Structures are given as structure tokens and as C-alpha cells.
Amino acid sequence: MNRNMKKFMMYALLIPAMAVSFWSCSNSKTNVQQLEGKWNITEVNGEAISTQENTPFMEFNMAEKKIHGNAGCNIFNTSLETDANDISALKIAQGMSTMMACPDMETESKILQAMTTVRAVKAGTDANQMLLVDEAGKTVFVLSK
């Protein structure tokens, strides 16, 4: 094989490998441990959460594998499961919440129902954003600091 052919073959293999690398970084899995702390819920199933009197949030305690939060009116508590073989795997159990009647129960219902569909965490657009995704990789929650 001549020198030009070797160069061609090298580039022919290198360019697709680089493209795959760049694509995978934009959709990168993130270690669930980075969820530690309080995150505001800014979006659920593609719908932006409007600013309310009580901003919905999730507060993750990764050491105890627990989540405490507010779904817009009522507070909730639940547990989570992780997977030692997949650093991004996350499953949120159905939890308990207070039962006050509120003006916007629709948003609250969407948040509480969506939690049980979460299966993993992915990086957001920057360090102050995380995405919780379902089994198919579709964004369920957009969380922000």
C-alpha cells in the first residue's frame, strides 16, 4: 500500500470515529451522584413550568437515596434506586405527598406522575442543568440550580 493510500485509510477511519465521539458527548450520561442537593423543576415532559408562588423542586440526598421536594403546592418524599453497573441509572419510587387543594393541581399531577418514569440522568446545557430521562432517553424533567 502506498503512502497516500495509507493516509486516506487513516482519515477514512478517523473522521467517523471523531463524529461518533462528538455526538455521544452532546448526549452524555452523567453520574447520578451529581444530583446531590436542591434542583428547581423547570420543565416536565416538554412543558415549561410557569413561575408559581412555590417553585417546584427536587432535593436529592444521594447518601440516603431519598428525594424531598415540592410539586408546586404539596411536598413529597420518596426514595430512589441507582445501579452500580451504570453510573447514570436512576429510578424514582412512587412517593408520598401532602394533600392540600391548590389552584394549579394540573402541574402538580404531571410532576408526581412523571417521577416514576425516570430511568437515568444526563448532562444539561451547563453545570447548572440536569436532565432526567425515561427508558427511551426522552427528557422527563429539566432541572436547574
N, C-alpha and C. Protein backbone atom coordinates (compact mmCIF):
# COMPACT_ATOMS: atom_id res chain seq x y z
N MET A 1 0.85 -1.17 0.00
CA MET A 1 0.00 0.00 0.00
C MET A 1 0.90 1.24 0.00
N ASN A 2 0.61 2.17 -0.91
CA ASN A 2 1.47 3.35 -0.96
C ASN A 2 1.11 4.33 0.17
N ARG A 3 1.94 5.33 0.32
CA ARG A 3 1.82 6.30 1.42
C ARG A 3 0.49 7.07 1.36
N ASN A 4 0.08 7.51 0.17
CA ASN A 4 -1.18 8.26 0.05
C ASN A 4 -2.39 7.40 0.40
N MET A 5 -2.31 6.15 0.03
CA MET A 5 -3.41 5.24 0.34
C MET A 5 -3.51 5.02 1.85
N LYS A 6 -2.37 4.92 2.53
CA LYS A 6 -2.36 4.76 3.99
C LYS A 6 -2.98 5.99 4.67
N LYS A 7 -2.63 7.18 4.18
CA LYS A 7 -3.21 8.41 4.74
C LYS A 7 -4.71 8.44 4.53
N PHE A 8 -5.14 8.07 3.33
CA PHE A 8 -6.57 8.05 3.03
C PHE A 8 -7.30 7.11 3.96
N MET A 9 -6.75 5.92 4.16
CA MET A 9 -7.39 4.93 5.03
C MET A 9 -7.45 5.43 6.48
N MET A 10 -6.38 6.09 6.93
CA MET A 10 -6.36 6.60 8.29
C MET A 10 -7.46 7.65 8.48
N TYR A 11 -7.57 8.58 7.55
CA TYR A 11 -8.61 9.61 7.65
C TYR A 11 -10.01 9.03 7.48
N ALA A 12 -10.12 8.03 6.63
CA ALA A 12 -11.42 7.41 6.40
C ALA A 12 -11.95 6.74 7.68
N LEU A 13 -11.05 6.26 8.51
CA LEU A 13 -11.45 5.64 9.77
C LEU A 13 -11.54 6.66 10.91
N LEU A 14 -10.69 7.66 10.90
CA LEU A 14 -10.61 8.64 11.98
C LEU A 14 -11.81 9.59 11.99
N ILE A 15 -12.24 10.05 10.84
CA ILE A 15 -13.34 11.03 10.78
C ILE A 15 -14.64 10.45 11.34
N PRO A 16 -15.08 9.25 10.94
CA PRO A 16 -16.30 8.71 11.57
C PRO A 16 -16.16 8.49 13.07
N ALA A 17 -14.98 8.07 13.52
CA ALA A 17 -14.77 7.87 14.95
C ALA A 17 -14.90 9.18 15.72
N MET A 18 -14.38 10.25 15.17
CA MET A 18 -14.49 11.56 15.82
C MET A 18 -15.94 12.03 15.84
N ALA A 19 -16.66 11.80 14.76
CA ALA A 19 -18.07 12.22 14.69
C ALA A 19 -18.89 11.51 15.76
N VAL A 20 -18.66 10.21 15.94
CA VAL A 20 -19.37 9.45 16.97
C VAL A 20 -19.01 9.98 18.35
N SER A 21 -17.75 10.31 18.55
CA SER A 21 -17.31 10.85 19.83
C SER A 21 -18.00 12.16 20.15
N PHE A 22 -18.07 13.08 19.20
CA PHE A 22 -18.74 14.36 19.42
C PHE A 22 -20.22 14.16 19.67
N TRP A 23 -20.86 13.27 18.95
CA TRP A 23 -22.30 13.03 19.13
C TRP A 23 -22.57 12.48 20.52
N SER A 24 -21.76 11.53 20.97
CA SER A 24 -22.01 10.93 22.27
C SER A 24 -21.79 11.93 23.40
N CYS A 25 -20.90 12.90 23.25
CA CYS A 25 -20.68 13.90 24.29
C CYS A 25 -21.87 14.82 24.44
N SER A 26 -22.56 15.12 23.36
CA SER A 26 -23.69 16.03 23.44
C SER A 26 -24.89 15.39 24.12
N ASN A 27 -24.86 14.08 24.23
CA ASN A 27 -25.96 13.36 24.85
C ASN A 27 -25.41 12.51 25.99
N SER A 28 -24.47 13.10 26.75
CA SER A 28 -23.67 12.32 27.68
C SER A 28 -24.40 11.93 28.95
N LYS A 29 -24.12 10.72 29.35
CA LYS A 29 -24.62 10.23 30.62
C LYS A 29 -23.84 10.94 31.72
N THR A 30 -24.49 11.11 32.85
CA THR A 30 -23.88 11.80 33.97
C THR A 30 -24.01 10.93 35.21
N ASN A 31 -23.05 11.01 36.08
CA ASN A 31 -23.08 10.27 37.33
C ASN A 31 -24.23 10.79 38.20
N VAL A 32 -25.09 9.90 38.65
CA VAL A 32 -26.25 10.29 39.46
C VAL A 32 -25.84 11.03 40.73
N GLN A 33 -24.63 10.82 41.19
CA GLN A 33 -24.17 11.49 42.41
C GLN A 33 -24.13 13.01 42.24
N GLN A 34 -24.06 13.49 41.00
CA GLN A 34 -24.05 14.93 40.75
C GLN A 34 -25.40 15.58 41.00
N LEU A 35 -26.43 14.78 41.25
CA LEU A 35 -27.74 15.33 41.56
C LEU A 35 -27.84 15.80 43.02
N GLU A 36 -26.86 15.49 43.82
CA GLU A 36 -26.89 15.87 45.24
C GLU A 36 -27.28 17.34 45.39
N GLY A 37 -28.26 17.59 46.26
CA GLY A 37 -28.68 18.97 46.53
C GLY A 37 -30.03 19.30 45.92
N LYS A 38 -30.33 20.58 45.93
CA LYS A 38 -31.64 21.08 45.50
C LYS A 38 -31.61 21.54 44.05
N TRP A 39 -32.62 21.09 43.28
CA TRP A 39 -32.78 21.43 41.88
C TRP A 39 -34.21 21.91 41.62
N ASN A 40 -34.36 23.05 40.97
CA ASN A 40 -35.69 23.52 40.57
C ASN A 40 -36.16 22.74 39.35
N ILE A 41 -37.43 22.42 39.29
CA ILE A 41 -38.02 21.74 38.14
C ILE A 41 -38.47 22.84 37.18
N THR A 42 -37.82 22.92 36.02
CA THR A 42 -38.16 23.97 35.06
C THR A 42 -39.00 23.46 33.90
N GLU A 43 -39.03 22.14 33.74
CA GLU A 43 -39.79 21.55 32.64
C GLU A 43 -40.17 20.12 32.99
N VAL A 44 -41.38 19.72 32.60
CA VAL A 44 -41.82 18.34 32.78
C VAL A 44 -42.45 17.88 31.47
N ASN A 45 -41.94 16.78 30.93
CA ASN A 45 -42.42 16.20 29.67
C ASN A 45 -42.57 17.24 28.56
N GLY A 46 -41.58 18.08 28.42
CA GLY A 46 -41.56 19.06 27.34
C GLY A 46 -42.32 20.34 27.59
N GLU A 47 -42.98 20.46 28.73
CA GLU A 47 -43.74 21.67 29.05
C GLU A 47 -43.01 22.47 30.12
N ALA A 48 -42.79 23.76 29.82
CA ALA A 48 -42.14 24.64 30.78
C ALA A 48 -43.04 24.84 31.99
N ILE A 49 -42.43 24.89 33.15
CA ILE A 49 -43.17 25.15 34.39
C ILE A 49 -43.21 26.67 34.58
N SER A 50 -44.41 27.20 34.67
CA SER A 50 -44.54 28.65 34.87
C SER A 50 -44.15 29.00 36.30
N THR A 51 -43.64 30.19 36.48
CA THR A 51 -43.26 30.65 37.81
C THR A 51 -44.50 30.70 38.68
N GLN A 52 -44.41 30.06 39.79
CA GLN A 52 -45.54 29.98 40.71
C GLN A 52 -45.11 30.53 42.06
N GLU A 53 -46.06 30.61 42.95
CA GLU A 53 -45.76 31.04 44.32
C GLU A 53 -44.73 30.10 44.93
N ASN A 54 -44.93 28.81 44.75
CA ASN A 54 -43.98 27.80 45.23
C ASN A 54 -43.35 27.13 44.01
N THR A 55 -42.10 27.45 43.74
CA THR A 55 -41.41 26.84 42.60
C THR A 55 -41.20 25.36 42.88
N PRO A 56 -41.65 24.48 41.99
CA PRO A 56 -41.44 23.05 42.18
C PRO A 56 -39.94 22.73 42.22
N PHE A 57 -39.56 21.82 43.11
CA PHE A 57 -38.15 21.44 43.21
C PHE A 57 -38.01 20.01 43.68
N MET A 58 -36.81 19.47 43.46
CA MET A 58 -36.43 18.16 43.99
C MET A 58 -35.12 18.36 44.73
N GLU A 59 -35.05 17.81 45.93
CA GLU A 59 -33.81 17.87 46.70
C GLU A 59 -33.32 16.44 46.92
N PHE A 60 -32.17 16.14 46.34
CA PHE A 60 -31.62 14.78 46.35
C PHE A 60 -30.65 14.60 47.51
N ASN A 61 -30.85 13.53 48.28
CA ASN A 61 -29.91 13.12 49.31
C ASN A 61 -29.38 11.77 48.82
N MET A 62 -28.25 11.80 48.12
CA MET A 62 -27.74 10.60 47.48
C MET A 62 -27.22 9.57 48.49
N ALA A 63 -26.70 10.02 49.63
CA ALA A 63 -26.20 9.09 50.64
C ALA A 63 -27.33 8.22 51.19
N GLU A 64 -28.50 8.83 51.39
CA GLU A 64 -29.65 8.09 51.92
C GLU A 64 -30.58 7.58 50.82
N LYS A 65 -30.29 7.95 49.57
CA LYS A 65 -31.12 7.57 48.41
C LYS A 65 -32.57 8.00 48.61
N LYS A 66 -32.72 9.29 48.93
CA LYS A 66 -34.04 9.86 49.18
C LYS A 66 -34.18 11.17 48.39
N ILE A 67 -35.43 11.49 48.07
CA ILE A 67 -35.75 12.76 47.41
C ILE A 67 -36.86 13.42 48.21
N HIS A 68 -36.68 14.69 48.46
CA HIS A 68 -37.70 15.52 49.12
C HIS A 68 -37.97 16.65 48.14
N GLY A 69 -39.18 17.12 48.07
CA GLY A 69 -39.43 18.23 47.16
C GLY A 69 -40.81 18.83 47.31
N ASN A 70 -41.10 19.72 46.36
CA ASN A 70 -42.37 20.40 46.29
C ASN A 70 -42.83 20.32 44.84
N ALA A 71 -44.04 19.87 44.62
CA ALA A 71 -44.57 19.71 43.26
C ALA A 71 -45.35 20.95 42.81
N GLY A 72 -45.19 22.05 43.52
CA GLY A 72 -45.89 23.29 43.18
C GLY A 72 -46.78 23.76 44.30
N CYS A 73 -47.27 22.83 45.09
CA CYS A 73 -48.13 23.15 46.24
C CYS A 73 -47.82 22.19 47.37
N ASN A 74 -47.94 20.92 47.10
CA ASN A 74 -47.72 19.89 48.11
C ASN A 74 -46.27 19.43 48.13
N ILE A 75 -45.82 19.05 49.33
CA ILE A 75 -44.47 18.50 49.43
C ILE A 75 -44.55 16.98 49.23
N PHE A 76 -43.45 16.41 48.76
CA PHE A 76 -43.40 14.97 48.55
C PHE A 76 -42.09 14.41 49.10
N ASN A 77 -42.11 13.14 49.39
CA ASN A 77 -40.93 12.40 49.83
C ASN A 77 -40.97 11.05 49.14
N THR A 78 -39.81 10.63 48.66
CA THR A 78 -39.73 9.34 48.00
C THR A 78 -38.30 8.82 48.09
N SER A 79 -38.10 7.63 47.58
CA SER A 79 -36.77 7.04 47.55
C SER A 79 -36.35 6.84 46.10
N LEU A 80 -35.07 6.53 45.93
CA LEU A 80 -34.57 6.29 44.59
C LEU A 80 -33.65 5.08 44.59
N GLU A 81 -33.50 4.50 43.41
CA GLU A 81 -32.60 3.37 43.23
C GLU A 81 -31.54 3.78 42.22
N THR A 82 -30.31 3.31 42.46
CA THR A 82 -29.23 3.51 41.50
C THR A 82 -28.71 2.13 41.11
N ASP A 83 -27.81 2.10 40.14
CA ASP A 83 -27.25 0.84 39.64
C ASP A 83 -25.73 0.95 39.65
N ALA A 84 -25.07 0.10 40.39
CA ALA A 84 -23.61 0.13 40.49
C ALA A 84 -22.94 -0.11 39.13
N ASN A 85 -23.64 -0.74 38.19
CA ASN A 85 -23.07 -1.03 36.88
C ASN A 85 -23.31 0.07 35.85
N ASP A 86 -24.15 1.05 36.19
CA ASP A 86 -24.47 2.15 35.26
C ASP A 86 -24.56 3.44 36.08
N ILE A 87 -23.55 4.28 35.97
CA ILE A 87 -23.47 5.48 36.82
C ILE A 87 -24.61 6.47 36.59
N SER A 88 -25.30 6.36 35.48
CA SER A 88 -26.38 7.30 35.18
C SER A 88 -27.77 6.76 35.51
N ALA A 89 -27.85 5.48 35.85
CA ALA A 89 -29.16 4.85 36.09
C ALA A 89 -29.81 5.41 37.35
N LEU A 90 -31.08 5.70 37.24
CA LEU A 90 -31.84 6.28 38.35
C LEU A 90 -33.30 5.89 38.21
N LYS A 91 -33.84 5.36 39.27
CA LYS A 91 -35.26 5.01 39.28
C LYS A 91 -35.87 5.63 40.52
N ILE A 92 -36.93 6.42 40.32
CA ILE A 92 -37.61 7.09 41.42
C ILE A 92 -38.87 6.32 41.78
N ALA A 93 -38.97 5.96 43.05
CA ALA A 93 -40.14 5.21 43.52
C ALA A 93 -41.34 6.15 43.65
N GLN A 94 -42.53 5.57 43.61
CA GLN A 94 -43.73 6.35 43.87
C GLN A 94 -43.67 6.75 45.33
N GLY A 95 -43.87 8.03 45.58
CA GLY A 95 -43.71 8.54 46.93
C GLY A 95 -45.01 8.93 47.60
N MET A 96 -44.85 9.63 48.70
CA MET A 96 -45.98 10.15 49.45
C MET A 96 -45.96 11.66 49.35
N SER A 97 -47.13 12.28 49.37
CA SER A 97 -47.19 13.74 49.36
C SER A 97 -48.33 14.21 50.25
N THR A 98 -48.21 15.47 50.66
CA THR A 98 -49.32 16.06 51.39
C THR A 98 -50.48 16.20 50.43
N MET A 99 -51.66 16.54 50.91
CA MET A 99 -52.84 16.53 50.06
C MET A 99 -53.64 17.83 50.15
N MET A 100 -52.94 18.96 50.14
CA MET A 100 -53.66 20.23 50.15
C MET A 100 -54.25 20.51 48.78
N ALA A 101 -55.40 21.16 48.75
CA ALA A 101 -56.01 21.57 47.49
C ALA A 101 -55.35 22.89 47.08
N CYS A 102 -54.98 22.97 45.81
CA CYS A 102 -54.25 24.14 45.32
C CYS A 102 -54.86 24.61 44.00
N PRO A 103 -54.60 25.87 43.63
CA PRO A 103 -55.15 26.40 42.38
C PRO A 103 -54.67 25.65 41.14
N ASP A 104 -53.38 25.19 41.13
CA ASP A 104 -52.82 24.55 39.94
C ASP A 104 -52.49 23.09 40.23
N MET A 105 -53.49 22.26 40.31
CA MET A 105 -53.27 20.84 40.57
C MET A 105 -52.80 20.10 39.32
N GLU A 106 -53.01 20.68 38.14
CA GLU A 106 -52.60 20.03 36.89
C GLU A 106 -51.09 19.87 36.82
N THR A 107 -50.36 20.94 37.10
CA THR A 107 -48.89 20.88 37.08
C THR A 107 -48.40 19.89 38.12
N GLU A 108 -48.98 19.97 39.29
CA GLU A 108 -48.59 19.06 40.37
C GLU A 108 -48.79 17.60 39.97
N SER A 109 -49.92 17.29 39.39
CA SER A 109 -50.20 15.92 38.95
C SER A 109 -49.19 15.45 37.91
N LYS A 110 -48.86 16.32 36.96
CA LYS A 110 -47.88 15.96 35.92
C LYS A 110 -46.53 15.63 36.54
N ILE A 111 -46.10 16.43 37.50
CA ILE A 111 -44.81 16.20 38.15
C ILE A 111 -44.81 14.88 38.91
N LEU A 112 -45.82 14.66 39.73
CA LEU A 112 -45.87 13.45 40.54
C LEU A 112 -45.97 12.19 39.69
N GLN A 113 -46.75 12.23 38.62
CA GLN A 113 -46.88 11.07 37.73
C GLN A 113 -45.61 10.81 36.94
N ALA A 114 -44.92 11.86 36.52
CA ALA A 114 -43.73 11.71 35.69
C ALA A 114 -42.55 11.13 36.46
N MET A 115 -42.51 11.33 37.75
CA MET A 115 -41.35 10.86 38.54
C MET A 115 -41.10 9.37 38.38
N THR A 116 -42.15 8.57 38.31
CA THR A 116 -41.97 7.12 38.24
C THR A 116 -41.48 6.65 36.87
N THR A 117 -41.44 7.52 35.88
CA THR A 117 -40.95 7.13 34.54
C THR A 117 -39.46 7.40 34.37
N VAL A 118 -38.83 8.06 35.33
CA VAL A 118 -37.40 8.39 35.23
C VAL A 118 -36.55 7.13 35.34
N ARG A 119 -35.55 7.04 34.42
CA ARG A 119 -34.65 5.89 34.43
C ARG A 119 -33.17 6.26 34.39
N ALA A 120 -32.85 7.53 34.11
CA ALA A 120 -31.43 7.92 34.04
C ALA A 120 -31.30 9.43 34.12
N VAL A 121 -30.07 9.86 34.31
CA VAL A 121 -29.75 11.29 34.34
C VAL A 121 -28.73 11.57 33.25
N LYS A 122 -28.90 12.72 32.59
CA LYS A 122 -27.97 13.17 31.56
C LYS A 122 -27.58 14.61 31.84
N ALA A 123 -26.45 15.00 31.32
CA ALA A 123 -25.98 16.38 31.48
C ALA A 123 -26.89 17.32 30.70
N GLY A 124 -27.07 18.51 31.26
CA GLY A 124 -27.84 19.55 30.57
C GLY A 124 -26.92 20.41 29.74
N THR A 125 -27.34 21.63 29.48
CA THR A 125 -26.56 22.54 28.65
C THR A 125 -25.35 23.10 29.37
N ASP A 126 -25.36 23.09 30.72
CA ASP A 126 -24.21 23.54 31.50
C ASP A 126 -24.25 22.85 32.87
N ALA A 127 -23.33 23.23 33.76
CA ALA A 127 -23.22 22.57 35.07
C ALA A 127 -24.42 22.84 35.96
N ASN A 128 -25.23 23.83 35.63
CA ASN A 128 -26.40 24.17 36.44
C ASN A 128 -27.68 23.57 35.91
N GLN A 129 -27.56 22.58 35.02
CA GLN A 129 -28.76 21.94 34.47
C GLN A 129 -28.54 20.44 34.36
N MET A 130 -29.56 19.67 34.72
CA MET A 130 -29.55 18.22 34.58
C MET A 130 -30.86 17.79 33.93
N LEU A 131 -30.79 16.69 33.21
CA LEU A 131 -31.97 16.13 32.55
C LEU A 131 -32.25 14.76 33.16
N LEU A 132 -33.47 14.53 33.56
CA LEU A 132 -33.91 13.21 33.98
C LEU A 132 -34.69 12.63 32.81
N VAL A 133 -34.31 11.43 32.36
CA VAL A 133 -34.87 10.87 31.15
C VAL A 133 -35.55 9.52 31.42
N ASP A 134 -36.44 9.14 30.50
CA ASP A 134 -37.13 7.86 30.63
C ASP A 134 -36.30 6.75 29.99
N GLU A 135 -36.88 5.58 29.91
CA GLU A 135 -36.18 4.41 29.38
C GLU A 135 -35.72 4.59 27.93
N ALA A 136 -36.48 5.36 27.15
CA ALA A 136 -36.13 5.60 25.75
C ALA A 136 -35.16 6.77 25.58
N GLY A 137 -34.81 7.43 26.68
CA GLY A 137 -33.89 8.57 26.59
C GLY A 137 -34.60 9.90 26.39
N LYS A 138 -35.92 9.90 26.41
CA LYS A 138 -36.70 11.13 26.25
C LYS A 138 -36.68 11.91 27.57
N THR A 139 -36.50 13.22 27.47
CA THR A 139 -36.43 14.06 28.66
C THR A 139 -37.77 14.11 29.38
N VAL A 140 -37.75 13.76 30.66
CA VAL A 140 -38.94 13.80 31.51
C VAL A 140 -38.91 15.11 32.31
N PHE A 141 -37.75 15.42 32.92
CA PHE A 141 -37.59 16.63 33.71
C PHE A 141 -36.34 17.39 33.28
N VAL A 142 -36.44 18.70 33.23
CA VAL A 142 -35.29 19.57 33.13
C VAL A 142 -35.16 20.22 34.50
N LEU A 143 -34.00 20.02 35.13
CA LEU A 143 -33.74 20.56 36.46
C LEU A 143 -32.67 21.63 36.37
N SER A 144 -32.79 22.68 37.16
CA SER A 144 -31.77 23.73 37.17
C SER A 144 -31.46 24.15 38.59
N LYS A 145 -30.23 24.59 38.80
CA LYS A 145 -29.78 25.08 40.12
C LYS A 145 -30.26 26.50 40.30
